[in-house]
N, C-alpha and C. Protein backbone atom coordinates (compact mmCIF):
# COMPACT_ATOMS: atom_id res chain seq x y z
N UNK A 1 0.83 -1.21 0.00
CA UNK A 1 0.00 0.00 0.00
C UNK A 1 0.86 1.26 0.00
N UNK A 2 1.92 1.23 0.84
CA UNK A 2 2.80 2.40 0.91
C UNK A 2 3.51 2.61 -0.42
N UNK A 3 3.94 1.51 -1.07
CA UNK A 3 4.62 1.62 -2.36
C UNK A 3 3.67 2.17 -3.42
N UNK A 4 2.43 1.71 -3.39
CA UNK A 4 1.42 2.20 -4.33
C UNK A 4 1.18 3.70 -4.15
N UNK A 5 1.18 4.14 -2.91
CA UNK A 5 0.97 5.56 -2.61
C UNK A 5 2.14 6.38 -3.16
N UNK A 6 3.36 5.93 -2.92
CA UNK A 6 4.54 6.63 -3.39
C UNK A 6 4.58 6.69 -4.91
N UNK A 7 4.22 5.61 -5.56
CA UNK A 7 4.21 5.59 -7.02
C UNK A 7 3.21 6.58 -7.58
N UNK A 8 2.07 6.70 -6.93
CA UNK A 8 1.05 7.65 -7.38
C UNK A 8 1.55 9.08 -7.24
N UNK A 9 2.22 9.39 -6.13
CA UNK A 9 2.74 10.73 -5.91
C UNK A 9 3.80 11.07 -6.95
N UNK A 10 4.72 10.15 -7.17
CA UNK A 10 5.80 10.40 -8.14
C UNK A 10 5.26 10.53 -9.56
N UNK A 11 4.27 9.72 -9.90
CA UNK A 11 3.66 9.82 -11.23
C UNK A 11 2.94 11.15 -11.39
N UNK A 12 2.21 11.56 -10.36
CA UNK A 12 1.50 12.83 -10.42
C UNK A 12 2.48 13.99 -10.57
N UNK A 13 3.57 13.94 -9.85
CA UNK A 13 4.57 15.00 -9.97
C UNK A 13 5.07 15.11 -11.41
N UNK A 14 5.43 13.99 -11.99
CA UNK A 14 5.96 13.99 -13.36
C UNK A 14 4.92 14.53 -14.34
N UNK A 15 3.69 14.09 -14.21
CA UNK A 15 2.65 14.50 -15.15
C UNK A 15 2.26 15.96 -14.96
N UNK A 16 2.16 16.40 -13.72
CA UNK A 16 1.84 17.81 -13.46
C UNK A 16 2.92 18.71 -14.04
N UNK A 17 4.17 18.30 -13.92
CA UNK A 17 5.27 19.11 -14.42
C UNK A 17 5.31 19.14 -15.95
N UNK A 18 4.92 18.05 -16.57
CA UNK A 18 4.98 17.96 -18.04
C UNK A 18 3.72 18.48 -18.71
N UNK A 19 2.56 18.24 -18.11
CA UNK A 19 1.28 18.54 -18.74
C UNK A 19 0.50 19.65 -18.05
N UNK A 20 0.89 19.97 -16.82
CA UNK A 20 0.12 20.92 -16.04
C UNK A 20 -0.92 20.21 -15.18
N UNK A 21 -1.42 20.93 -14.19
CA UNK A 21 -2.43 20.37 -13.27
C UNK A 21 -3.75 20.13 -14.00
N UNK A 22 -4.22 21.14 -14.72
CA UNK A 22 -5.51 21.00 -15.41
C UNK A 22 -5.45 19.96 -16.52
N UNK A 23 -4.27 19.81 -17.12
CA UNK A 23 -4.14 18.88 -18.23
C UNK A 23 -3.92 17.44 -17.83
N UNK A 24 -3.89 17.18 -16.55
CA UNK A 24 -3.65 15.82 -16.07
C UNK A 24 -4.88 15.31 -15.33
N UNK A 25 -5.41 14.20 -15.77
CA UNK A 25 -6.58 13.62 -15.13
C UNK A 25 -6.21 12.50 -14.17
N UNK A 26 -7.10 12.22 -13.24
CA UNK A 26 -6.84 11.15 -12.28
C UNK A 26 -6.72 9.80 -12.97
N UNK A 27 -7.50 9.60 -14.02
CA UNK A 27 -7.46 8.32 -14.72
C UNK A 27 -6.06 8.05 -15.27
N UNK A 28 -5.41 9.08 -15.81
CA UNK A 28 -4.06 8.91 -16.34
C UNK A 28 -3.07 8.62 -15.22
N UNK A 29 -3.21 9.34 -14.10
CA UNK A 29 -2.31 9.11 -12.97
C UNK A 29 -2.44 7.69 -12.46
N UNK A 30 -3.67 7.23 -12.32
CA UNK A 30 -3.91 5.86 -11.82
C UNK A 30 -3.33 4.84 -12.80
N UNK A 31 -3.58 5.06 -14.08
CA UNK A 31 -3.10 4.11 -15.09
C UNK A 31 -1.58 4.06 -15.16
N UNK A 32 -0.93 5.22 -15.17
CA UNK A 32 0.52 5.25 -15.33
C UNK A 32 1.27 4.87 -14.06
N UNK A 33 0.64 5.05 -12.91
CA UNK A 33 1.29 4.67 -11.65
C UNK A 33 1.09 3.18 -11.34
N UNK A 34 0.13 2.57 -12.04
CA UNK A 34 -0.17 1.17 -11.78
C UNK A 34 -0.92 0.96 -10.48
N UNK A 35 -1.50 2.02 -9.95
CA UNK A 35 -2.23 1.91 -8.68
C UNK A 35 -3.62 1.33 -8.90
N UNK A 36 -4.01 0.35 -8.09
CA UNK A 36 -5.40 -0.12 -8.14
C UNK A 36 -6.32 1.04 -7.74
N UNK A 37 -7.43 1.19 -8.44
CA UNK A 37 -8.30 2.34 -8.18
C UNK A 37 -8.76 2.39 -6.74
N UNK A 38 -9.05 1.23 -6.16
CA UNK A 38 -9.52 1.20 -4.78
C UNK A 38 -8.49 1.73 -3.81
N UNK A 39 -7.25 1.29 -3.97
CA UNK A 39 -6.20 1.74 -3.06
C UNK A 39 -5.86 3.21 -3.30
N UNK A 40 -6.03 3.66 -4.54
CA UNK A 40 -5.74 5.06 -4.84
C UNK A 40 -6.66 5.97 -4.04
N UNK A 41 -7.95 5.71 -4.06
CA UNK A 41 -8.90 6.57 -3.35
C UNK A 41 -8.80 6.38 -1.83
N UNK A 42 -8.29 5.23 -1.40
CA UNK A 42 -8.04 5.04 0.02
C UNK A 42 -6.88 5.92 0.46
N UNK A 43 -5.83 5.97 -0.38
CA UNK A 43 -4.65 6.78 -0.07
C UNK A 43 -4.90 8.27 -0.23
N UNK A 44 -5.75 8.63 -1.19
CA UNK A 44 -5.97 10.05 -1.50
C UNK A 44 -7.47 10.35 -1.56
N UNK A 45 -8.11 10.37 -0.40
CA UNK A 45 -9.56 10.67 -0.39
C UNK A 45 -9.87 12.06 -0.92
N UNK A 46 -8.87 12.96 -0.87
CA UNK A 46 -9.08 14.31 -1.39
C UNK A 46 -8.85 14.43 -2.88
N UNK A 47 -8.58 13.29 -3.54
CA UNK A 47 -8.44 13.28 -4.99
C UNK A 47 -7.22 14.01 -5.52
N UNK A 48 -7.35 14.63 -6.66
CA UNK A 48 -6.21 15.24 -7.34
C UNK A 48 -5.62 16.39 -6.54
N UNK A 49 -6.46 17.12 -5.85
CA UNK A 49 -5.97 18.26 -5.05
C UNK A 49 -5.04 17.77 -3.94
N UNK A 50 -5.44 16.74 -3.24
CA UNK A 50 -4.59 16.18 -2.19
C UNK A 50 -3.30 15.63 -2.79
N UNK A 51 -3.41 15.01 -3.93
CA UNK A 51 -2.24 14.45 -4.60
C UNK A 51 -1.26 15.56 -5.00
N UNK A 52 -1.79 16.69 -5.44
CA UNK A 52 -0.93 17.82 -5.81
C UNK A 52 -0.16 18.33 -4.60
N UNK A 53 -0.81 18.41 -3.46
CA UNK A 53 -0.15 18.86 -2.24
C UNK A 53 0.96 17.90 -1.82
N UNK A 54 0.68 16.60 -1.93
CA UNK A 54 1.69 15.60 -1.56
C UNK A 54 2.86 15.63 -2.54
N UNK A 55 2.56 15.78 -3.82
CA UNK A 55 3.62 15.85 -4.83
C UNK A 55 4.48 17.09 -4.62
N UNK A 56 3.85 18.20 -4.29
CA UNK A 56 4.58 19.44 -4.05
C UNK A 56 5.49 19.30 -2.83
N UNK A 57 5.01 18.66 -1.79
CA UNK A 57 5.82 18.45 -0.60
C UNK A 57 7.05 17.61 -0.93
N UNK A 58 6.84 16.51 -1.65
CA UNK A 58 7.96 15.64 -2.04
C UNK A 58 8.95 16.39 -2.92
N UNK A 59 8.44 17.11 -3.90
CA UNK A 59 9.28 17.87 -4.83
C UNK A 59 10.08 18.93 -4.09
N UNK A 60 9.41 19.66 -3.20
CA UNK A 60 10.08 20.71 -2.45
C UNK A 60 11.20 20.18 -1.59
N UNK A 61 10.95 19.06 -0.92
CA UNK A 61 11.97 18.47 -0.05
C UNK A 61 13.15 17.96 -0.87
N UNK A 62 12.86 17.34 -2.02
CA UNK A 62 13.94 16.80 -2.85
C UNK A 62 14.82 17.91 -3.39
N UNK A 63 14.21 18.99 -3.88
CA UNK A 63 15.01 20.10 -4.40
C UNK A 63 15.79 20.80 -3.30
N UNK A 64 15.19 20.89 -2.13
CA UNK A 64 15.94 21.52 -1.04
C UNK A 64 17.15 20.68 -0.65
N UNK A 65 17.00 19.36 -0.69
CA UNK A 65 18.13 18.48 -0.42
C UNK A 65 19.24 18.70 -1.44
N UNK A 66 18.85 18.93 -2.70
CA UNK A 66 19.85 19.18 -3.74
C UNK A 66 20.54 20.52 -3.55
N UNK A 67 19.78 21.51 -3.10
CA UNK A 67 20.38 22.81 -2.81
C UNK A 67 21.41 22.66 -1.70
N UNK A 68 21.06 21.92 -0.66
CA UNK A 68 21.97 21.72 0.46
C UNK A 68 23.21 20.92 0.04
N UNK A 69 23.02 19.95 -0.85
CA UNK A 69 24.16 19.19 -1.37
C UNK A 69 25.09 20.11 -2.16
N UNK A 70 24.49 20.98 -2.99
CA UNK A 70 25.30 21.93 -3.76
C UNK A 70 26.03 22.89 -2.83
N UNK A 71 25.35 23.29 -1.75
CA UNK A 71 25.98 24.18 -0.78
C UNK A 71 27.16 23.50 -0.09
N UNK A 72 27.01 22.20 0.18
CA UNK A 72 28.08 21.47 0.84
C UNK A 72 29.33 21.35 -0.04
N UNK A 73 29.11 21.24 -1.34
CA UNK A 73 30.25 21.05 -2.25
C UNK A 73 30.77 22.35 -2.86
N UNK A 74 29.92 23.38 -2.93
CA UNK A 74 30.33 24.63 -3.58
C UNK A 74 30.04 25.87 -2.73
N UNK A 75 29.68 25.66 -1.47
CA UNK A 75 29.24 26.77 -0.63
C UNK A 75 30.30 27.78 -0.27
N UNK A 76 31.57 27.41 -0.40
CA UNK A 76 32.63 28.36 -0.08
C UNK A 76 32.71 29.49 -1.09
N UNK A 77 32.18 29.27 -2.29
CA UNK A 77 32.23 30.26 -3.37
C UNK A 77 30.82 30.45 -3.92
N UNK A 78 30.12 31.52 -3.53
CA UNK A 78 28.74 31.73 -3.99
C UNK A 78 28.59 31.74 -5.51
N UNK A 79 29.59 32.27 -6.21
CA UNK A 79 29.50 32.33 -7.67
C UNK A 79 29.57 30.92 -8.25
N UNK A 80 30.46 30.11 -7.73
CA UNK A 80 30.56 28.72 -8.19
C UNK A 80 29.28 27.96 -7.85
N UNK A 81 28.70 28.24 -6.70
CA UNK A 81 27.44 27.63 -6.29
C UNK A 81 26.32 27.96 -7.29
N UNK A 82 26.21 29.23 -7.63
CA UNK A 82 25.17 29.68 -8.57
C UNK A 82 25.36 29.02 -9.94
N UNK A 83 26.58 28.98 -10.40
CA UNK A 83 26.84 28.38 -11.71
C UNK A 83 26.54 26.88 -11.70
N UNK A 84 26.87 26.22 -10.61
CA UNK A 84 26.60 24.78 -10.49
C UNK A 84 25.10 24.52 -10.51
N UNK A 85 24.34 25.29 -9.74
CA UNK A 85 22.88 25.10 -9.69
C UNK A 85 22.26 25.32 -11.07
N UNK A 86 22.66 26.37 -11.76
CA UNK A 86 22.12 26.66 -13.09
C UNK A 86 22.47 25.56 -14.08
N UNK A 87 23.72 25.10 -14.04
CA UNK A 87 24.15 24.05 -14.97
C UNK A 87 23.40 22.76 -14.72
N UNK A 88 23.16 22.43 -13.46
CA UNK A 88 22.42 21.20 -13.16
C UNK A 88 20.97 21.31 -13.61
N UNK A 89 20.36 22.47 -13.40
CA UNK A 89 19.00 22.68 -13.88
C UNK A 89 18.93 22.50 -15.40
N UNK A 90 19.92 23.07 -16.08
CA UNK A 90 19.94 22.98 -17.55
C UNK A 90 20.09 21.54 -18.01
N UNK A 91 20.98 20.79 -17.37
CA UNK A 91 21.18 19.38 -17.75
C UNK A 91 19.92 18.56 -17.54
N UNK A 92 19.27 18.75 -16.41
CA UNK A 92 18.07 17.98 -16.11
C UNK A 92 16.92 18.33 -17.05
N UNK A 93 16.81 19.60 -17.38
CA UNK A 93 15.74 20.02 -18.29
C UNK A 93 15.99 19.46 -19.68
N UNK A 94 17.22 19.52 -20.14
CA UNK A 94 17.55 18.97 -21.45
C UNK A 94 17.31 17.46 -21.49
N UNK A 95 17.67 16.76 -20.40
CA UNK A 95 17.49 15.31 -20.34
C UNK A 95 16.02 14.92 -20.38
N UNK A 96 15.14 15.82 -19.93
CA UNK A 96 13.70 15.53 -19.96
C UNK A 96 13.08 15.82 -21.32
N UNK A 97 13.92 16.26 -22.28
CA UNK A 97 13.38 16.65 -23.57
C UNK A 97 12.69 18.00 -23.51
N UNK A 98 13.13 18.84 -22.56
CA UNK A 98 12.61 20.19 -22.36
C UNK A 98 11.14 20.17 -21.95
N UNK A 99 10.75 19.14 -21.21
CA UNK A 99 9.32 18.99 -20.88
C UNK A 99 8.97 19.37 -19.46
N UNK A 100 9.90 19.22 -18.50
CA UNK A 100 9.53 19.32 -17.09
C UNK A 100 9.65 20.74 -16.54
N UNK A 101 8.53 21.27 -16.10
CA UNK A 101 8.53 22.58 -15.45
C UNK A 101 8.88 22.41 -13.98
N UNK A 102 9.03 23.53 -13.28
CA UNK A 102 9.14 23.51 -11.83
C UNK A 102 7.72 23.29 -11.28
N UNK A 103 7.54 22.27 -10.46
CA UNK A 103 6.19 21.96 -9.97
C UNK A 103 5.61 23.10 -9.16
N UNK A 104 6.42 23.73 -8.31
CA UNK A 104 5.92 24.84 -7.50
C UNK A 104 5.43 25.97 -8.39
N UNK A 105 6.20 26.30 -9.40
CA UNK A 105 5.81 27.37 -10.32
C UNK A 105 4.57 26.97 -11.11
N UNK A 106 4.50 25.71 -11.55
CA UNK A 106 3.38 25.24 -12.34
C UNK A 106 2.07 25.34 -11.55
N UNK A 107 2.09 24.87 -10.30
CA UNK A 107 0.88 24.92 -9.48
C UNK A 107 0.51 26.36 -9.14
N UNK A 108 1.52 27.18 -8.89
CA UNK A 108 1.23 28.59 -8.59
C UNK A 108 0.60 29.29 -9.79
N UNK A 109 1.14 29.02 -10.97
CA UNK A 109 0.60 29.65 -12.18
C UNK A 109 -0.85 29.26 -12.43
N UNK A 110 -1.17 27.99 -12.17
CA UNK A 110 -2.50 27.50 -12.48
C UNK A 110 -3.53 27.73 -11.37
N UNK A 111 -3.09 27.69 -10.12
CA UNK A 111 -4.06 27.65 -9.02
C UNK A 111 -4.01 28.83 -8.06
N UNK A 112 -2.92 29.57 -8.04
CA UNK A 112 -2.81 30.70 -7.11
C UNK A 112 -3.32 31.98 -7.78
N UNK A 113 -3.86 32.89 -6.98
CA UNK A 113 -4.05 32.85 -5.53
C UNK A 113 -5.39 32.28 -5.09
N UNK A 114 -6.21 31.83 -6.04
CA UNK A 114 -7.55 31.37 -5.70
C UNK A 114 -7.57 30.19 -4.75
N UNK A 115 -6.66 29.26 -4.94
CA UNK A 115 -6.58 28.09 -4.07
C UNK A 115 -5.64 28.42 -2.92
N UNK A 116 -6.19 28.73 -1.78
CA UNK A 116 -5.39 29.19 -0.65
C UNK A 116 -4.47 28.11 -0.11
N UNK A 117 -4.90 26.86 -0.13
CA UNK A 117 -4.07 25.78 0.41
C UNK A 117 -2.84 25.55 -0.46
N UNK A 118 -3.05 25.53 -1.77
CA UNK A 118 -1.92 25.37 -2.69
C UNK A 118 -1.00 26.58 -2.61
N UNK A 119 -1.58 27.76 -2.54
CA UNK A 119 -0.78 28.98 -2.46
C UNK A 119 0.12 28.97 -1.23
N UNK A 120 -0.44 28.59 -0.08
CA UNK A 120 0.35 28.54 1.15
C UNK A 120 1.44 27.49 1.06
N UNK A 121 1.12 26.35 0.44
CA UNK A 121 2.11 25.27 0.32
C UNK A 121 3.27 25.69 -0.59
N UNK A 122 2.94 26.35 -1.70
CA UNK A 122 3.99 26.83 -2.61
C UNK A 122 4.86 27.87 -1.90
N UNK A 123 4.23 28.75 -1.14
CA UNK A 123 4.98 29.78 -0.41
C UNK A 123 5.96 29.15 0.57
N UNK A 124 5.52 28.10 1.27
CA UNK A 124 6.42 27.42 2.22
C UNK A 124 7.62 26.81 1.50
N UNK A 125 7.35 26.18 0.38
CA UNK A 125 8.44 25.57 -0.39
C UNK A 125 9.43 26.63 -0.86
N UNK A 126 8.92 27.72 -1.41
CA UNK A 126 9.79 28.78 -1.91
C UNK A 126 10.61 29.41 -0.79
N UNK A 127 9.99 29.64 0.35
CA UNK A 127 10.73 30.23 1.47
C UNK A 127 11.86 29.31 1.92
N UNK A 128 11.60 28.01 1.92
CA UNK A 128 12.64 27.05 2.32
C UNK A 128 13.80 27.08 1.35
N UNK A 129 13.50 27.07 0.05
CA UNK A 129 14.57 27.12 -0.97
C UNK A 129 15.39 28.39 -0.83
N UNK A 130 14.70 29.51 -0.67
CA UNK A 130 15.39 30.80 -0.57
C UNK A 130 16.30 30.83 0.66
N UNK A 131 15.79 30.34 1.78
CA UNK A 131 16.59 30.33 3.00
C UNK A 131 17.84 29.46 2.85
N UNK A 132 17.70 28.32 2.18
CA UNK A 132 18.85 27.43 1.98
C UNK A 132 19.89 28.08 1.07
N UNK A 133 19.43 28.76 0.03
CA UNK A 133 20.35 29.45 -0.85
C UNK A 133 21.00 30.64 -0.16
N UNK A 134 20.24 31.32 0.68
CA UNK A 134 20.75 32.52 1.35
C UNK A 134 21.93 32.19 2.26
N UNK A 135 21.99 30.98 2.78
CA UNK A 135 23.12 30.60 3.65
C UNK A 135 24.43 30.66 2.88
N UNK A 136 24.38 30.32 1.60
CA UNK A 136 25.57 30.39 0.76
C UNK A 136 25.80 31.83 0.29
N UNK A 137 24.74 32.46 -0.17
CA UNK A 137 24.86 33.81 -0.73
C UNK A 137 25.24 34.83 0.33
N UNK A 138 25.07 34.48 1.60
CA UNK A 138 25.46 35.39 2.69
C UNK A 138 26.95 35.74 2.63
N UNK A 139 27.75 34.89 2.03
CA UNK A 139 29.18 35.14 1.91
C UNK A 139 29.47 36.36 1.04
N UNK A 140 28.53 36.67 0.14
CA UNK A 140 28.71 37.84 -0.73
C UNK A 140 27.86 39.02 -0.28
N UNK A 141 26.94 38.78 0.64
CA UNK A 141 25.98 39.81 1.03
C UNK A 141 26.47 40.59 2.23
N UNK A 142 25.90 41.77 2.42
CA UNK A 142 26.29 42.63 3.53
C UNK A 142 25.48 42.36 4.80
N UNK A 143 24.38 41.60 4.66
CA UNK A 143 23.52 41.32 5.80
C UNK A 143 22.67 40.09 5.50
N UNK A 144 22.02 39.58 6.53
CA UNK A 144 21.10 38.46 6.33
C UNK A 144 19.96 38.86 5.40
N UNK A 145 19.48 40.08 5.57
CA UNK A 145 18.38 40.55 4.72
C UNK A 145 18.82 40.63 3.26
N UNK A 146 20.04 41.07 3.03
CA UNK A 146 20.56 41.15 1.67
C UNK A 146 20.72 39.75 1.07
N UNK A 147 21.12 38.79 1.89
CA UNK A 147 21.26 37.41 1.42
C UNK A 147 19.91 36.84 1.01
N UNK A 148 18.87 37.13 1.79
CA UNK A 148 17.52 36.68 1.44
C UNK A 148 17.08 37.33 0.13
N UNK A 149 17.41 38.61 -0.02
CA UNK A 149 17.05 39.31 -1.27
C UNK A 149 17.74 38.66 -2.46
N UNK A 150 19.01 38.34 -2.32
CA UNK A 150 19.74 37.69 -3.42
C UNK A 150 19.16 36.30 -3.70
N UNK A 151 18.80 35.58 -2.64
CA UNK A 151 18.18 34.27 -2.83
C UNK A 151 16.85 34.36 -3.56
N UNK A 152 16.08 35.39 -3.21
CA UNK A 152 14.78 35.60 -3.88
C UNK A 152 14.98 35.93 -5.35
N UNK A 153 15.96 36.78 -5.64
CA UNK A 153 16.27 37.11 -7.03
C UNK A 153 16.69 35.85 -7.80
N UNK A 154 17.54 35.04 -7.18
CA UNK A 154 18.04 33.83 -7.85
C UNK A 154 16.90 32.86 -8.15
N UNK A 155 16.03 32.61 -7.19
CA UNK A 155 14.89 31.71 -7.42
C UNK A 155 13.99 32.27 -8.51
N UNK A 156 13.75 33.56 -8.48
CA UNK A 156 12.88 34.19 -9.49
C UNK A 156 13.48 34.04 -10.88
N UNK A 157 14.78 34.27 -10.99
CA UNK A 157 15.45 34.15 -12.28
C UNK A 157 15.44 32.70 -12.77
N UNK A 158 15.68 31.76 -11.88
CA UNK A 158 15.66 30.35 -12.27
C UNK A 158 14.28 29.94 -12.79
N UNK A 159 13.24 30.40 -12.11
CA UNK A 159 11.88 30.04 -12.53
C UNK A 159 11.58 30.58 -13.92
N UNK A 160 11.91 31.84 -14.14
CA UNK A 160 11.67 32.42 -15.45
C UNK A 160 12.50 31.79 -16.54
N UNK A 161 13.78 31.55 -16.24
CA UNK A 161 14.68 30.97 -17.24
C UNK A 161 14.26 29.55 -17.61
N UNK A 162 13.80 28.80 -16.62
CA UNK A 162 13.36 27.43 -16.91
C UNK A 162 12.18 27.44 -17.87
N UNK A 163 11.23 28.36 -17.64
CA UNK A 163 10.09 28.46 -18.53
C UNK A 163 10.49 28.82 -19.95
N UNK A 164 11.43 29.78 -20.08
CA UNK A 164 11.88 30.18 -21.41
C UNK A 164 12.65 29.04 -22.08
N UNK A 165 13.49 28.36 -21.30
CA UNK A 165 14.28 27.25 -21.86
C UNK A 165 13.38 26.14 -22.41
N UNK A 166 12.26 25.89 -21.75
CA UNK A 166 11.32 24.87 -22.25
C UNK A 166 10.77 25.27 -23.61
N UNK A 167 10.53 26.56 -23.78
CA UNK A 167 9.94 27.04 -25.03
C UNK A 167 10.96 27.05 -26.16
N UNK A 168 12.15 27.59 -25.88
CA UNK A 168 13.16 27.73 -26.94
C UNK A 168 14.05 26.49 -27.06
N UNK A 169 13.87 25.53 -26.11
CA UNK A 169 14.63 24.28 -26.12
C UNK A 169 16.13 24.54 -26.16
N UNK A 170 16.55 25.33 -25.19
CA UNK A 170 17.96 25.73 -25.13
C UNK A 170 18.37 25.99 -23.69
N UNK A 171 19.66 25.74 -23.40
CA UNK A 171 20.22 26.04 -22.08
C UNK A 171 20.54 27.52 -21.91
N UNK A 172 20.50 28.26 -23.00
CA UNK A 172 20.98 29.65 -22.98
C UNK A 172 20.34 30.52 -21.89
N UNK A 173 19.03 30.46 -21.67
CA UNK A 173 18.45 31.30 -20.61
C UNK A 173 19.03 31.01 -19.23
N UNK A 174 19.25 29.75 -18.92
CA UNK A 174 19.82 29.38 -17.62
C UNK A 174 21.30 29.78 -17.54
N UNK A 175 22.00 29.69 -18.65
CA UNK A 175 23.40 30.14 -18.68
C UNK A 175 23.47 31.65 -18.47
N UNK A 176 22.50 32.37 -19.01
CA UNK A 176 22.46 33.82 -18.82
C UNK A 176 22.22 34.17 -17.35
N UNK A 177 21.35 33.41 -16.71
CA UNK A 177 21.09 33.63 -15.28
C UNK A 177 22.37 33.44 -14.48
N UNK A 178 23.13 32.39 -14.80
CA UNK A 178 24.38 32.12 -14.08
C UNK A 178 25.34 33.30 -14.19
N UNK A 179 25.49 33.84 -15.39
CA UNK A 179 26.43 34.94 -15.58
C UNK A 179 25.92 36.24 -14.95
N UNK A 180 24.62 36.48 -15.05
CA UNK A 180 24.05 37.69 -14.44
C UNK A 180 24.15 37.65 -12.93
N UNK A 181 23.86 36.49 -12.35
CA UNK A 181 23.98 36.34 -10.90
C UNK A 181 25.43 36.46 -10.45
N UNK A 182 26.36 35.94 -11.26
CA UNK A 182 27.78 36.07 -10.92
C UNK A 182 28.17 37.53 -10.83
N UNK A 183 27.73 38.33 -11.80
CA UNK A 183 28.01 39.76 -11.77
C UNK A 183 27.37 40.45 -10.57
N UNK A 184 26.14 40.06 -10.25
CA UNK A 184 25.46 40.65 -9.10
C UNK A 184 26.17 40.31 -7.79
N UNK A 185 26.64 39.06 -7.69
CA UNK A 185 27.32 38.64 -6.47
C UNK A 185 28.67 39.34 -6.33
N UNK A 186 29.37 39.53 -7.44
CA UNK A 186 30.65 40.27 -7.38
C UNK A 186 30.40 41.69 -6.89
N UNK A 187 29.37 42.34 -7.40
CA UNK A 187 29.04 43.70 -6.98
C UNK A 187 28.65 43.74 -5.51
N UNK A 188 27.84 42.74 -5.10
CA UNK A 188 27.40 42.69 -3.71
C UNK A 188 28.58 42.49 -2.77
N UNK A 189 29.50 41.60 -3.16
CA UNK A 189 30.67 41.34 -2.33
C UNK A 189 31.56 42.58 -2.23
N UNK A 190 31.74 43.27 -3.35
CA UNK A 190 32.56 44.48 -3.35
C UNK A 190 31.92 45.55 -2.48
N UNK A 191 30.62 45.70 -2.58
CA UNK A 191 29.92 46.69 -1.76
C UNK A 191 30.01 46.36 -0.28
N UNK A 192 29.88 45.05 0.04
CA UNK A 192 29.97 44.62 1.43
C UNK A 192 31.36 44.89 2.00
N UNK A 193 32.39 44.60 1.19
CA UNK A 193 33.76 44.85 1.63
C UNK A 193 34.01 46.34 1.86
N UNK A 194 33.49 47.17 0.95
CA UNK A 194 33.68 48.62 1.08
C UNK A 194 33.00 49.15 2.34
N UNK A 195 31.79 48.63 2.64
CA UNK A 195 31.09 49.08 3.85
C UNK A 195 31.84 48.65 5.11
N UNK A 196 32.43 47.45 5.06
CA UNK A 196 33.21 46.98 6.21
C UNK A 196 34.40 47.88 6.46
N UNK A 197 35.10 48.27 5.38
CA UNK A 197 36.25 49.18 5.51
C UNK A 197 35.82 50.52 6.07
N UNK A 198 34.69 51.05 5.60
CA UNK A 198 34.21 52.34 6.09
C UNK A 198 33.87 52.27 7.58
N UNK A 199 33.22 51.16 7.99
CA UNK A 199 32.88 51.02 9.40
C UNK A 199 34.12 50.97 10.27
N UNK A 200 35.14 50.23 9.81
CA UNK A 200 36.38 50.14 10.58
C UNK A 200 37.08 51.48 10.66
N UNK A 201 37.06 52.21 9.54
CA UNK A 201 37.69 53.53 9.52
C UNK A 201 36.98 54.48 10.46
N UNK A 202 35.64 54.40 10.46
CA UNK A 202 34.85 55.27 11.35
C UNK A 202 35.12 54.96 12.80
N UNK A 203 35.18 53.66 13.14
CA UNK A 203 35.47 53.29 14.53
C UNK A 203 36.86 53.75 14.95
N UNK A 204 37.82 53.59 14.05
CA UNK A 204 39.19 54.03 14.35
C UNK A 204 39.25 55.53 14.58
N UNK A 205 38.54 56.26 13.73
CA UNK A 205 38.50 57.72 13.85
C UNK A 205 37.87 58.16 15.15
N UNK A 206 36.79 57.49 15.54
CA UNK A 206 36.13 57.85 16.80
C UNK A 206 37.01 57.55 17.99
N UNK A 207 37.72 56.44 17.91
CA UNK A 207 38.62 56.09 19.01
C UNK A 207 39.73 57.13 19.16
N UNK A 208 40.26 57.56 17.99
CA UNK A 208 41.33 58.57 18.02
C UNK A 208 40.84 59.86 18.65
N UNK A 209 39.64 60.29 18.35
CA UNK A 209 39.11 61.52 18.91
C UNK A 209 38.95 61.39 20.42
N UNK A 210 38.51 60.22 20.86
CA UNK A 210 38.27 60.01 22.29
C UNK A 210 39.55 60.05 23.11
N UNK A 211 40.65 59.58 22.53
CA UNK A 211 41.90 59.45 23.28
C UNK A 211 42.72 60.73 23.33
N UNK A 212 42.34 61.75 22.58
CA UNK A 212 43.11 63.01 22.57
C UNK A 212 42.58 63.95 23.64
């Protein structure tokens, strides 16, 4: 029963990402997952809506794990981290035949803001991704708030670039995001360093005045 439930969730995720929520029917999910109809409705009494929430939860957790893995291997260099994430997204999208959208973005586009439960679930997923990315981007940022801002920009750019890449069937949009983010991070790091120098200079100057 547990295996049947997992297969249904994974099948729904794949179909929602490739065809959209409205374009995917329960009959197709049941048929492609190999789930007996009786066990399917036992596992998902809320039908397709409940299945979408479960698929989004699984998808969000899996992508966050990948972000954390990338942070573990490339977190010392925010620019390298950004380039790695973009390149991996591009490879996975190309391997899918340019078919798979971001599930969070897909559900948000189709169901938000009217569906409050889906909207809240997508928001939780996005906040988690942004927070995980911000831990790495903090190395280039001047504050925690600035790191969250950079993480939000990065997620927004990835979402848009993925959609364009699906249409034009090219990695170029994601490669552009990598280079644009690299430039932004260099500027952010330079600005942060300059502010640190100014603060130190100001403290030194105040100390000198006090001691005379």
